[in-house]
Amino acid sequence: MRARAFALLALAALAASAHADSPATGALDPFFARLKSSGRAELHIVRETRGPHGAVSEPGRVALEPPDRVRLEFTRTGERVTLRNDGGEWLQPELKQCVHLGPERARAALEWWDLLLGRDRAAFQQHALEKSRVLLVHAQPDLPPDSVWVALDGASLPARIDVRPADAERESYKLSGWKFAHARGRADFVLATPAGYESVDLK
């Protein structure tokens, strides 16, 4: 679960970065500018994980709205995740569960966003390896560093994210079909518990 959540934060962090108080300079600037001016981005995504029987690919869609909203939907499994400053939901059709995240859980998840917003620069480092690749490193106290590698396409939009948590398997995300539109607001990032599903609260 941690690797999947970490990857979610990597995507959300890109959205949050567009609202940093001080202007950032680097390869991600064109993406930040477009997201900030439009208010919303939608894209296709393919999650790639390594399992005991080889690589597994899961296609889906993502919606991002700065400063703190992410919606992730996987096509084959029907799994959906929303994350906001005040909480979030994780819909798991296989388990017939809808997990509701309270503000405390959401604030813990917002750690990556806070770093990119400039609230704790000492704990976060961004390295522009070359024009089309960026490395994000977060070193937690007493733990090996987590890292996220971002590759950009010809339009300077994120095309691939490789997530390497210190204590979990690597996950990769292929990103394509970027579309920018006006923000829809909080209501589009809240999931209700479907009929027949167990509602699980994680404060």
N, C-alpha and C. Protein backbone atom coordinates (compact mmCIF):
# COMPACT_ATOMS: atom_id res chain seq x y z
N MET A 1 0.83 -1.22 0.00
CA MET A 1 0.00 0.00 0.00
C MET A 1 0.86 1.26 0.00
N ARG A 2 2.03 1.21 0.71
CA ARG A 2 2.84 2.41 0.81
C ARG A 2 3.39 2.83 -0.55
N ALA A 3 3.83 1.86 -1.37
CA ALA A 3 4.37 2.21 -2.68
C ALA A 3 3.32 2.88 -3.53
N ARG A 4 2.08 2.35 -3.48
CA ARG A 4 1.01 2.93 -4.29
C ARG A 4 0.69 4.34 -3.81
N ALA A 5 0.60 4.52 -2.50
CA ALA A 5 0.31 5.83 -1.96
C ALA A 5 1.44 6.80 -2.27
N PHE A 6 2.68 6.33 -2.22
CA PHE A 6 3.83 7.18 -2.51
C PHE A 6 3.77 7.67 -3.95
N ALA A 7 3.37 6.78 -4.87
CA ALA A 7 3.26 7.18 -6.26
C ALA A 7 2.17 8.22 -6.45
N LEU A 8 1.07 8.06 -5.74
CA LEU A 8 0.02 9.07 -5.78
C LEU A 8 0.55 10.43 -5.37
N LEU A 9 1.35 10.44 -4.33
CA LEU A 9 1.89 11.70 -3.84
C LEU A 9 2.82 12.32 -4.86
N ALA A 10 3.53 11.48 -5.59
CA ALA A 10 4.42 12.02 -6.60
C ALA A 10 3.63 12.79 -7.65
N LEU A 11 2.49 12.24 -8.06
CA LEU A 11 1.64 12.93 -9.03
C LEU A 11 1.06 14.20 -8.43
N ALA A 12 0.57 14.09 -7.20
CA ALA A 12 -0.02 15.25 -6.56
C ALA A 12 1.02 16.34 -6.33
N ALA A 13 2.24 15.94 -6.06
CA ALA A 13 3.29 16.92 -5.82
C ALA A 13 3.51 17.79 -7.04
N LEU A 14 3.38 17.21 -8.23
CA LEU A 14 3.54 18.01 -9.44
C LEU A 14 2.48 19.10 -9.50
N ALA A 15 1.25 18.76 -9.11
CA ALA A 15 0.19 19.76 -9.10
C ALA A 15 0.46 20.84 -8.07
N ALA A 16 0.86 20.45 -6.89
CA ALA A 16 1.10 21.41 -5.82
C ALA A 16 2.23 22.36 -6.14
N SER A 17 3.23 21.87 -6.87
CA SER A 17 4.39 22.70 -7.17
C SER A 17 4.02 23.94 -7.96
N ALA A 18 2.95 23.89 -8.71
CA ALA A 18 2.56 25.03 -9.53
C ALA A 18 2.15 26.22 -8.67
N HIS A 19 1.91 26.00 -7.38
CA HIS A 19 1.46 27.07 -6.49
C HIS A 19 2.52 27.47 -5.47
N ALA A 20 3.78 27.15 -5.73
CA ALA A 20 4.85 27.55 -4.81
C ALA A 20 4.93 29.06 -4.74
N ASP A 21 5.20 29.59 -3.53
CA ASP A 21 5.25 31.04 -3.34
C ASP A 21 6.38 31.67 -4.13
N SER A 22 7.54 31.04 -4.15
CA SER A 22 8.65 31.58 -4.90
C SER A 22 8.79 30.85 -6.22
N PRO A 23 9.06 31.58 -7.32
CA PRO A 23 9.11 30.94 -8.61
C PRO A 23 10.20 29.87 -8.68
N ALA A 24 9.85 28.72 -9.21
CA ALA A 24 10.83 27.66 -9.37
C ALA A 24 11.50 27.80 -10.73
N THR A 25 12.70 27.32 -10.84
CA THR A 25 13.38 27.32 -12.12
C THR A 25 13.82 25.90 -12.40
N GLY A 26 13.55 25.43 -13.60
CA GLY A 26 13.94 24.08 -13.94
C GLY A 26 13.11 23.52 -15.06
N ALA A 27 13.34 22.22 -15.32
CA ALA A 27 12.72 21.56 -16.46
C ALA A 27 11.21 21.46 -16.34
N LEU A 28 10.67 21.50 -15.12
CA LEU A 28 9.23 21.35 -14.93
C LEU A 28 8.45 22.66 -15.07
N ASP A 29 9.15 23.77 -15.26
CA ASP A 29 8.47 25.07 -15.30
C ASP A 29 7.34 25.17 -16.32
N PRO A 30 7.52 24.71 -17.57
CA PRO A 30 6.41 24.81 -18.54
C PRO A 30 5.16 24.07 -18.08
N PHE A 31 5.34 22.91 -17.47
CA PHE A 31 4.19 22.17 -16.95
C PHE A 31 3.51 22.94 -15.83
N PHE A 32 4.31 23.45 -14.88
CA PHE A 32 3.75 24.22 -13.77
C PHE A 32 2.93 25.40 -14.28
N ALA A 33 3.45 26.10 -15.27
CA ALA A 33 2.79 27.29 -15.80
C ALA A 33 1.44 26.94 -16.43
N ARG A 34 1.40 25.87 -17.20
CA ARG A 34 0.14 25.48 -17.85
C ARG A 34 -0.90 25.03 -16.83
N LEU A 35 -0.48 24.26 -15.84
CA LEU A 35 -1.42 23.79 -14.82
C LEU A 35 -1.96 24.95 -13.99
N LYS A 36 -1.08 25.88 -13.64
CA LYS A 36 -1.51 27.01 -12.83
C LYS A 36 -2.48 27.90 -13.59
N SER A 37 -2.23 28.13 -14.87
CA SER A 37 -3.09 29.02 -15.64
C SER A 37 -4.44 28.39 -15.95
N SER A 38 -4.49 27.07 -16.11
CA SER A 38 -5.76 26.40 -16.45
C SER A 38 -6.54 26.00 -15.21
N GLY A 39 -5.87 25.46 -14.21
CA GLY A 39 -6.54 25.03 -12.98
C GLY A 39 -6.77 23.54 -12.88
N ARG A 40 -6.67 22.80 -13.99
CA ARG A 40 -6.93 21.36 -13.96
C ARG A 40 -6.18 20.68 -15.10
N ALA A 41 -5.68 19.47 -14.83
CA ALA A 41 -5.06 18.64 -15.86
C ALA A 41 -5.65 17.25 -15.79
N GLU A 42 -5.88 16.65 -16.96
CA GLU A 42 -6.36 15.28 -17.05
C GLU A 42 -5.43 14.52 -17.99
N LEU A 43 -5.21 13.22 -17.70
CA LEU A 43 -4.27 12.46 -18.51
C LEU A 43 -4.53 10.97 -18.40
N HIS A 44 -3.96 10.23 -19.35
CA HIS A 44 -3.97 8.77 -19.30
C HIS A 44 -2.74 8.31 -18.53
N ILE A 45 -2.88 7.19 -17.86
CA ILE A 45 -1.79 6.67 -17.05
C ILE A 45 -1.73 5.16 -17.16
N VAL A 46 -0.54 4.60 -17.13
CA VAL A 46 -0.34 3.15 -17.04
C VAL A 46 0.60 2.89 -15.88
N ARG A 47 0.10 2.20 -14.85
CA ARG A 47 0.91 1.85 -13.70
C ARG A 47 1.59 0.51 -13.96
N GLU A 48 2.90 0.47 -13.78
CA GLU A 48 3.66 -0.75 -13.99
C GLU A 48 4.29 -1.19 -12.68
N THR A 49 4.02 -2.43 -12.26
CA THR A 49 4.60 -2.98 -11.03
C THR A 49 5.23 -4.33 -11.32
N ARG A 50 6.17 -4.70 -10.49
CA ARG A 50 6.84 -5.99 -10.60
C ARG A 50 6.28 -6.94 -9.55
N GLY A 51 5.74 -8.07 -9.99
CA GLY A 51 5.21 -9.05 -9.07
C GLY A 51 5.95 -10.36 -9.19
N PRO A 52 5.51 -11.38 -8.45
CA PRO A 52 6.20 -12.68 -8.48
C PRO A 52 6.13 -13.36 -9.85
N HIS A 53 5.15 -12.96 -10.67
CA HIS A 53 5.00 -13.58 -11.98
C HIS A 53 5.37 -12.62 -13.10
N GLY A 54 6.14 -11.60 -12.78
CA GLY A 54 6.57 -10.66 -13.81
C GLY A 54 5.89 -9.31 -13.70
N ALA A 55 6.04 -8.51 -14.74
CA ALA A 55 5.50 -7.15 -14.75
C ALA A 55 3.99 -7.15 -14.95
N VAL A 56 3.32 -6.24 -14.26
CA VAL A 56 1.87 -6.08 -14.37
C VAL A 56 1.58 -4.63 -14.74
N SER A 57 0.73 -4.41 -15.74
CA SER A 57 0.37 -3.07 -16.18
C SER A 57 -1.09 -2.80 -15.90
N GLU A 58 -1.38 -1.63 -15.33
CA GLU A 58 -2.75 -1.23 -15.02
C GLU A 58 -3.02 0.13 -15.65
N PRO A 59 -3.88 0.18 -16.68
CA PRO A 59 -4.21 1.48 -17.29
C PRO A 59 -5.25 2.24 -16.47
N GLY A 60 -5.24 3.54 -16.60
CA GLY A 60 -6.22 4.35 -15.88
C GLY A 60 -6.16 5.81 -16.30
N ARG A 61 -6.80 6.65 -15.49
CA ARG A 61 -6.84 8.08 -15.75
C ARG A 61 -6.57 8.83 -14.45
N VAL A 62 -6.05 10.05 -14.62
CA VAL A 62 -5.74 10.91 -13.47
C VAL A 62 -6.28 12.30 -13.74
N ALA A 63 -6.80 12.94 -12.69
CA ALA A 63 -7.15 14.36 -12.73
C ALA A 63 -6.41 15.06 -11.60
N LEU A 64 -5.82 16.21 -11.90
CA LEU A 64 -5.07 17.01 -10.93
C LEU A 64 -5.64 18.41 -10.88
N GLU A 65 -5.84 18.92 -9.67
CA GLU A 65 -6.22 20.32 -9.48
C GLU A 65 -5.42 20.88 -8.31
N PRO A 66 -4.54 21.84 -8.58
CA PRO A 66 -3.80 22.45 -7.48
C PRO A 66 -4.73 23.27 -6.59
N PRO A 67 -4.43 23.41 -5.29
CA PRO A 67 -3.12 23.05 -4.73
C PRO A 67 -3.03 21.66 -4.14
N ASP A 68 -4.14 20.88 -4.05
CA ASP A 68 -4.04 19.65 -3.25
C ASP A 68 -5.01 18.56 -3.66
N ARG A 69 -5.46 18.52 -4.90
CA ARG A 69 -6.49 17.54 -5.28
C ARG A 69 -6.00 16.60 -6.37
N VAL A 70 -6.21 15.30 -6.12
CA VAL A 70 -5.83 14.25 -7.07
C VAL A 70 -6.95 13.21 -7.14
N ARG A 71 -7.24 12.77 -8.33
CA ARG A 71 -8.22 11.69 -8.53
C ARG A 71 -7.60 10.68 -9.48
N LEU A 72 -7.51 9.43 -9.03
CA LEU A 72 -6.88 8.36 -9.81
C LEU A 72 -7.87 7.23 -10.00
N GLU A 73 -8.07 6.80 -11.25
CA GLU A 73 -9.03 5.74 -11.57
C GLU A 73 -8.36 4.70 -12.45
N PHE A 74 -8.44 3.43 -12.05
CA PHE A 74 -7.86 2.36 -12.84
C PHE A 74 -8.96 1.64 -13.61
N THR A 75 -8.74 1.50 -14.92
CA THR A 75 -9.77 1.02 -15.83
C THR A 75 -10.17 -0.42 -15.57
N ARG A 76 -9.22 -1.33 -15.44
CA ARG A 76 -9.52 -2.76 -15.35
C ARG A 76 -10.12 -3.14 -14.00
N THR A 77 -9.56 -2.64 -12.91
CA THR A 77 -10.00 -3.05 -11.58
C THR A 77 -11.14 -2.20 -11.02
N GLY A 78 -11.31 -0.99 -11.55
CA GLY A 78 -12.31 -0.10 -11.01
C GLY A 78 -11.87 0.61 -9.74
N GLU A 79 -10.62 0.40 -9.34
CA GLU A 79 -10.09 1.05 -8.15
C GLU A 79 -10.01 2.56 -8.36
N ARG A 80 -10.41 3.33 -7.35
CA ARG A 80 -10.36 4.79 -7.42
C ARG A 80 -9.80 5.37 -6.13
N VAL A 81 -9.04 6.42 -6.27
CA VAL A 81 -8.46 7.10 -5.11
C VAL A 81 -8.62 8.59 -5.28
N THR A 82 -9.06 9.28 -4.23
CA THR A 82 -9.08 10.74 -4.21
C THR A 82 -8.32 11.21 -2.98
N LEU A 83 -7.64 12.33 -3.11
CA LEU A 83 -6.84 12.86 -2.01
C LEU A 83 -6.93 14.37 -2.01
N ARG A 84 -7.20 14.93 -0.80
CA ARG A 84 -7.37 16.38 -0.65
C ARG A 84 -6.73 16.80 0.67
N ASN A 85 -6.64 18.09 0.88
CA ASN A 85 -6.09 18.60 2.12
C ASN A 85 -6.90 18.15 3.34
N ASP A 86 -8.21 18.00 3.18
CA ASP A 86 -9.08 17.66 4.32
C ASP A 86 -9.43 16.17 4.40
N GLY A 87 -8.79 15.34 3.60
CA GLY A 87 -9.06 13.91 3.66
C GLY A 87 -9.04 13.29 2.28
N GLY A 88 -9.65 12.11 2.16
CA GLY A 88 -9.68 11.43 0.87
C GLY A 88 -10.38 10.10 0.97
N GLU A 89 -10.49 9.41 -0.14
CA GLU A 89 -11.16 8.11 -0.20
C GLU A 89 -10.36 7.15 -1.09
N TRP A 90 -10.49 5.89 -0.78
CA TRP A 90 -9.87 4.83 -1.60
C TRP A 90 -10.92 3.75 -1.80
N LEU A 91 -11.45 3.66 -3.00
CA LEU A 91 -12.49 2.70 -3.35
C LEU A 91 -11.83 1.43 -3.89
N GLN A 92 -12.13 0.28 -3.25
CA GLN A 92 -11.52 -0.99 -3.62
C GLN A 92 -12.61 -2.00 -3.98
N PRO A 93 -12.99 -2.10 -5.25
CA PRO A 93 -14.06 -3.02 -5.65
C PRO A 93 -13.78 -4.47 -5.30
N GLU A 94 -12.51 -4.90 -5.37
CA GLU A 94 -12.19 -6.29 -5.08
C GLU A 94 -12.54 -6.66 -3.65
N LEU A 95 -12.37 -5.72 -2.73
CA LEU A 95 -12.67 -5.95 -1.33
C LEU A 95 -14.04 -5.43 -0.93
N LYS A 96 -14.71 -4.76 -1.85
CA LYS A 96 -15.99 -4.13 -1.54
C LYS A 96 -15.85 -3.17 -0.36
N GLN A 97 -14.81 -2.37 -0.42
CA GLN A 97 -14.54 -1.41 0.65
C GLN A 97 -14.34 -0.01 0.08
N CYS A 98 -14.74 0.97 0.89
CA CYS A 98 -14.40 2.36 0.62
C CYS A 98 -13.70 2.89 1.86
N VAL A 99 -12.40 3.13 1.74
CA VAL A 99 -11.60 3.60 2.87
C VAL A 99 -11.62 5.13 2.87
N HIS A 100 -12.05 5.71 3.99
CA HIS A 100 -12.11 7.17 4.13
C HIS A 100 -10.93 7.65 4.97
N LEU A 101 -10.14 8.53 4.41
CA LEU A 101 -8.97 9.07 5.08
C LEU A 101 -9.34 10.37 5.79
N GLY A 102 -9.03 10.45 7.07
CA GLY A 102 -9.30 11.67 7.82
C GLY A 102 -8.24 12.72 7.58
N PRO A 103 -8.46 13.94 8.11
CA PRO A 103 -7.50 15.03 7.92
C PRO A 103 -6.10 14.69 8.38
N GLU A 104 -5.96 13.94 9.48
CA GLU A 104 -4.63 13.62 9.97
C GLU A 104 -3.87 12.77 8.97
N ARG A 105 -4.54 11.78 8.40
CA ARG A 105 -3.91 10.94 7.37
C ARG A 105 -3.57 11.79 6.15
N ALA A 106 -4.49 12.67 5.79
CA ALA A 106 -4.25 13.52 4.62
C ALA A 106 -3.07 14.45 4.86
N ARG A 107 -2.98 15.00 6.07
CA ARG A 107 -1.85 15.90 6.37
C ARG A 107 -0.52 15.16 6.28
N ALA A 108 -0.51 13.89 6.71
CA ALA A 108 0.72 13.10 6.59
C ALA A 108 1.07 12.91 5.12
N ALA A 109 0.06 12.67 4.30
CA ALA A 109 0.30 12.51 2.87
C ALA A 109 0.75 13.81 2.22
N LEU A 110 0.32 14.93 2.78
CA LEU A 110 0.66 16.23 2.22
C LEU A 110 2.12 16.61 2.45
N GLU A 111 2.88 15.75 3.11
CA GLU A 111 4.27 16.07 3.39
C GLU A 111 5.04 16.38 2.11
N TRP A 112 4.81 15.57 1.07
CA TRP A 112 5.49 15.82 -0.20
C TRP A 112 5.08 17.17 -0.77
N TRP A 113 3.80 17.48 -0.70
CA TRP A 113 3.34 18.74 -1.26
C TRP A 113 3.93 19.91 -0.50
N ASP A 114 3.96 19.81 0.85
CA ASP A 114 4.55 20.88 1.66
C ASP A 114 5.99 21.14 1.27
N LEU A 115 6.72 20.05 1.01
CA LEU A 115 8.10 20.20 0.61
C LEU A 115 8.21 20.98 -0.70
N LEU A 116 7.38 20.62 -1.65
CA LEU A 116 7.43 21.30 -2.95
C LEU A 116 6.88 22.71 -2.89
N LEU A 117 6.06 23.00 -1.88
CA LEU A 117 5.56 24.36 -1.68
C LEU A 117 6.58 25.23 -0.94
N GLY A 118 7.71 24.67 -0.58
CA GLY A 118 8.75 25.44 0.07
C GLY A 118 8.63 25.53 1.57
N ARG A 119 7.83 24.69 2.21
CA ARG A 119 7.63 24.77 3.66
C ARG A 119 8.69 24.01 4.45
N ASP A 120 9.45 23.15 3.77
CA ASP A 120 10.48 22.39 4.47
C ASP A 120 11.57 22.02 3.47
N ARG A 121 12.22 23.00 2.92
CA ARG A 121 13.20 22.76 1.87
C ARG A 121 14.39 21.94 2.35
N ALA A 122 14.67 21.96 3.65
CA ALA A 122 15.81 21.23 4.17
C ALA A 122 15.64 19.72 4.02
N ALA A 123 14.39 19.25 3.93
CA ALA A 123 14.14 17.81 3.85
C ALA A 123 13.89 17.33 2.42
N PHE A 124 13.96 18.23 1.45
CA PHE A 124 13.60 17.88 0.08
C PHE A 124 14.63 18.44 -0.89
N GLN A 125 15.01 17.63 -1.86
CA GLN A 125 15.95 18.07 -2.87
C GLN A 125 15.44 17.74 -4.25
N GLN A 126 15.59 18.69 -5.18
CA GLN A 126 15.25 18.47 -6.57
C GLN A 126 16.51 18.61 -7.40
N HIS A 127 16.78 17.60 -8.24
CA HIS A 127 17.99 17.60 -9.06
C HIS A 127 17.59 17.51 -10.53
N ALA A 128 17.96 18.50 -11.32
CA ALA A 128 17.74 18.44 -12.76
C ALA A 128 18.92 17.70 -13.38
N LEU A 129 18.70 16.44 -13.72
CA LEU A 129 19.79 15.61 -14.24
C LEU A 129 20.15 16.01 -15.66
N GLU A 130 19.18 16.39 -16.41
CA GLU A 130 19.35 16.87 -17.78
C GLU A 130 18.07 17.59 -18.15
N LYS A 131 17.97 18.06 -19.37
CA LYS A 131 16.81 18.87 -19.75
C LYS A 131 15.49 18.12 -19.58
N SER A 132 15.49 16.82 -19.80
CA SER A 132 14.23 16.06 -19.81
C SER A 132 14.07 15.12 -18.63
N ARG A 133 14.92 15.24 -17.58
CA ARG A 133 14.79 14.36 -16.42
C ARG A 133 15.03 15.14 -15.14
N VAL A 134 14.19 14.83 -14.13
CA VAL A 134 14.30 15.49 -12.83
C VAL A 134 14.26 14.41 -11.75
N LEU A 135 15.10 14.54 -10.73
CA LEU A 135 15.11 13.62 -9.60
C LEU A 135 14.65 14.36 -8.36
N LEU A 136 13.63 13.82 -7.67
CA LEU A 136 13.14 14.35 -6.41
C LEU A 136 13.53 13.38 -5.30
N VAL A 137 14.17 13.89 -4.26
CA VAL A 137 14.65 13.04 -3.16
C VAL A 137 14.13 13.58 -1.84
N HIS A 138 13.53 12.69 -1.05
CA HIS A 138 13.05 13.05 0.28
C HIS A 138 13.73 12.13 1.29
N ALA A 139 14.53 12.69 2.16
CA ALA A 139 15.22 11.90 3.18
C ALA A 139 14.51 12.04 4.51
N GLN A 140 13.90 10.95 5.00
CA GLN A 140 13.22 10.95 6.28
C GLN A 140 14.23 10.62 7.39
N PRO A 141 14.04 11.15 8.59
CA PRO A 141 14.95 10.85 9.70
C PRO A 141 15.04 9.35 9.95
N ASP A 142 16.27 8.85 10.04
CA ASP A 142 16.54 7.45 10.39
C ASP A 142 16.08 6.45 9.33
N LEU A 143 15.76 6.93 8.12
CA LEU A 143 15.33 6.03 7.05
C LEU A 143 16.12 6.34 5.78
N PRO A 144 16.36 5.32 4.92
CA PRO A 144 16.99 5.60 3.63
C PRO A 144 16.10 6.53 2.81
N PRO A 145 16.66 7.30 1.89
CA PRO A 145 15.86 8.27 1.13
C PRO A 145 14.92 7.62 0.12
N ASP A 146 13.72 8.19 -0.01
CA ASP A 146 12.81 7.85 -1.10
C ASP A 146 13.18 8.73 -2.29
N SER A 147 12.87 8.26 -3.49
CA SER A 147 13.18 9.07 -4.66
C SER A 147 12.13 8.89 -5.74
N VAL A 148 11.94 9.93 -6.54
CA VAL A 148 11.03 9.92 -7.67
C VAL A 148 11.77 10.49 -8.87
N TRP A 149 11.78 9.73 -9.97
CA TRP A 149 12.43 10.18 -11.20
C TRP A 149 11.33 10.58 -12.18
N VAL A 150 11.41 11.79 -12.71
CA VAL A 150 10.41 12.31 -13.64
C VAL A 150 11.05 12.53 -15.00
N ALA A 151 10.53 11.89 -16.05
CA ALA A 151 10.99 12.11 -17.42
C ALA A 151 9.96 12.95 -18.15
N LEU A 152 10.41 13.89 -18.96
CA LEU A 152 9.54 14.82 -19.67
C LEU A 152 9.49 14.49 -21.16
N ASP A 153 8.34 14.82 -21.79
CA ASP A 153 8.22 14.62 -23.23
C ASP A 153 8.70 15.87 -23.97
N GLY A 154 8.50 15.89 -25.29
CA GLY A 154 8.98 17.00 -26.11
C GLY A 154 8.31 18.32 -25.80
N ALA A 155 7.12 18.28 -25.16
CA ALA A 155 6.41 19.50 -24.78
C ALA A 155 6.69 19.89 -23.33
N SER A 156 7.70 19.27 -22.72
CA SER A 156 8.09 19.52 -21.33
C SER A 156 6.99 19.14 -20.34
N LEU A 157 6.18 18.14 -20.69
CA LEU A 157 5.16 17.60 -19.79
C LEU A 157 5.64 16.25 -19.26
N PRO A 158 5.31 15.92 -18.01
CA PRO A 158 5.73 14.62 -17.45
C PRO A 158 5.24 13.45 -18.30
N ALA A 159 6.17 12.59 -18.72
CA ALA A 159 5.83 11.45 -19.56
C ALA A 159 6.00 10.12 -18.83
N ARG A 160 6.82 10.13 -17.78
CA ARG A 160 7.04 8.90 -17.02
C ARG A 160 7.51 9.26 -15.62
N ILE A 161 7.00 8.54 -14.62
CA ILE A 161 7.42 8.72 -13.24
C ILE A 161 7.85 7.36 -12.70
N ASP A 162 9.08 7.29 -12.21
CA ASP A 162 9.58 6.08 -11.57
C ASP A 162 9.70 6.36 -10.09
N VAL A 163 8.93 5.61 -9.29
CA VAL A 163 8.89 5.81 -7.84
C VAL A 163 9.72 4.73 -7.18
N ARG A 164 10.66 5.15 -6.33
CA ARG A 164 11.55 4.20 -5.68
C ARG A 164 11.53 4.41 -4.17
N PRO A 165 10.48 3.94 -3.50
CA PRO A 165 10.45 4.05 -2.04
C PRO A 165 11.60 3.26 -1.43
N ALA A 166 12.06 3.72 -0.30
CA ALA A 166 13.21 3.07 0.33
C ALA A 166 12.87 1.67 0.84
N ASP A 167 11.59 1.41 1.15
CA ASP A 167 11.24 0.13 1.77
C ASP A 167 10.19 -0.64 0.98
N ALA A 168 10.11 -0.41 -0.36
CA ALA A 168 9.09 -1.10 -1.15
C ALA A 168 9.58 -1.27 -2.58
N GLU A 169 8.83 -2.07 -3.34
CA GLU A 169 9.17 -2.30 -4.73
C GLU A 169 8.97 -1.02 -5.56
N ARG A 170 9.77 -0.89 -6.60
CA ARG A 170 9.63 0.26 -7.49
C ARG A 170 8.36 0.16 -8.31
N GLU A 171 7.70 1.30 -8.52
CA GLU A 171 6.56 1.39 -9.41
C GLU A 171 6.85 2.44 -10.46
N SER A 172 6.35 2.21 -11.67
CA SER A 172 6.53 3.16 -12.75
C SER A 172 5.17 3.55 -13.32
N TYR A 173 5.06 4.81 -13.75
CA TYR A 173 3.83 5.33 -14.32
C TYR A 173 4.14 6.00 -15.65
N LYS A 174 3.50 5.51 -16.73
CA LYS A 174 3.60 6.18 -18.02
C LYS A 174 2.45 7.17 -18.14
N LEU A 175 2.74 8.40 -18.51
CA LEU A 175 1.74 9.47 -18.59
C LEU A 175 1.62 9.96 -20.02
N SER A 176 0.40 10.15 -20.49
CA SER A 176 0.19 10.60 -21.86
C SER A 176 -1.17 11.27 -21.99
N GLY A 177 -1.42 11.89 -23.14
CA GLY A 177 -2.73 12.49 -23.43
C GLY A 177 -3.10 13.63 -22.51
N TRP A 178 -2.12 14.47 -22.15
CA TRP A 178 -2.39 15.60 -21.25
C TRP A 178 -3.42 16.55 -21.84
N LYS A 179 -4.42 16.91 -21.02
CA LYS A 179 -5.41 17.92 -21.39
C LYS A 179 -5.55 18.90 -20.21
N PHE A 180 -5.61 20.17 -20.52
CA PHE A 180 -5.73 21.20 -19.49
C PHE A 180 -7.09 21.89 -19.62
N ALA A 181 -7.76 22.09 -18.48
CA ALA A 181 -9.11 22.65 -18.48
C ALA A 181 -9.32 23.45 -17.21
N HIS A 182 -10.51 24.05 -17.09
CA HIS A 182 -10.85 24.80 -15.88
C HIS A 182 -11.11 23.83 -14.72
N ALA A 183 -10.79 24.27 -13.53
CA ALA A 183 -11.00 23.45 -12.33
C ALA A 183 -12.49 23.19 -12.11
N ARG A 184 -12.81 21.99 -11.63
CA ARG A 184 -14.20 21.63 -11.32
C ARG A 184 -14.51 21.78 -9.83
N GLY A 185 -13.50 21.86 -9.00
CA GLY A 185 -13.71 22.06 -7.58
C GLY A 185 -13.72 20.78 -6.77
N ARG A 186 -13.88 20.95 -5.47
CA ARG A 186 -13.74 19.87 -4.51
C ARG A 186 -14.68 18.70 -4.77
N ALA A 187 -15.92 18.99 -5.19
CA ALA A 187 -16.92 17.93 -5.34
C ALA A 187 -16.46 16.82 -6.28
N ASP A 188 -15.62 17.13 -7.24
CA ASP A 188 -15.14 16.14 -8.20
C ASP A 188 -14.07 15.24 -7.59
N PHE A 189 -13.64 15.55 -6.37
CA PHE A 189 -12.58 14.80 -5.71
C PHE A 189 -13.05 14.19 -4.40
N VAL A 190 -14.33 13.86 -4.34
CA VAL A 190 -14.92 13.20 -3.17
C VAL A 190 -15.66 11.96 -3.64
N LEU A 191 -15.40 10.82 -3.03
CA LEU A 191 -16.06 9.57 -3.38
C LEU A 191 -17.03 9.16 -2.28
N ALA A 192 -18.25 8.83 -2.66
CA ALA A 192 -19.24 8.31 -1.70
C ALA A 192 -19.12 6.79 -1.66
N THR A 193 -19.49 6.19 -0.53
CA THR A 193 -19.46 4.73 -0.39
C THR A 193 -20.61 4.11 -1.18
N PRO A 194 -20.33 3.28 -2.19
CA PRO A 194 -21.41 2.67 -2.97
C PRO A 194 -22.25 1.71 -2.14
N ALA A 195 -23.46 1.46 -2.57
CA ALA A 195 -24.34 0.49 -1.90
C ALA A 195 -23.68 -0.89 -1.91
N GLY A 196 -23.71 -1.56 -0.77
CA GLY A 196 -23.13 -2.88 -0.67
C GLY A 196 -21.67 -2.89 -0.29
N TYR A 197 -21.06 -1.72 -0.13
CA TYR A 197 -19.64 -1.62 0.24
C TYR A 197 -19.51 -1.34 1.74
N GLU A 198 -18.45 -1.86 2.32
CA GLU A 198 -18.12 -1.55 3.70
C GLU A 198 -17.40 -0.21 3.74
N SER A 199 -17.79 0.65 4.66
CA SER A 199 -17.13 1.93 4.85
C SER A 199 -16.12 1.82 5.99
N VAL A 200 -14.85 2.11 5.69
CA VAL A 200 -13.76 1.98 6.65
C VAL A 200 -13.15 3.35 6.88
N ASP A 201 -13.11 3.80 8.13
CA ASP A 201 -12.55 5.10 8.46
C ASP A 201 -11.14 4.97 9.01
N LEU A 202 -10.22 5.71 8.42
CA LEU A 202 -8.84 5.80 8.91
C LEU A 202 -8.58 7.23 9.29
N LYS A 203 -8.59 7.52 10.57
CA LYS A 203 -8.42 8.90 11.06
C LYS A 203 -6.97 9.33 10.97
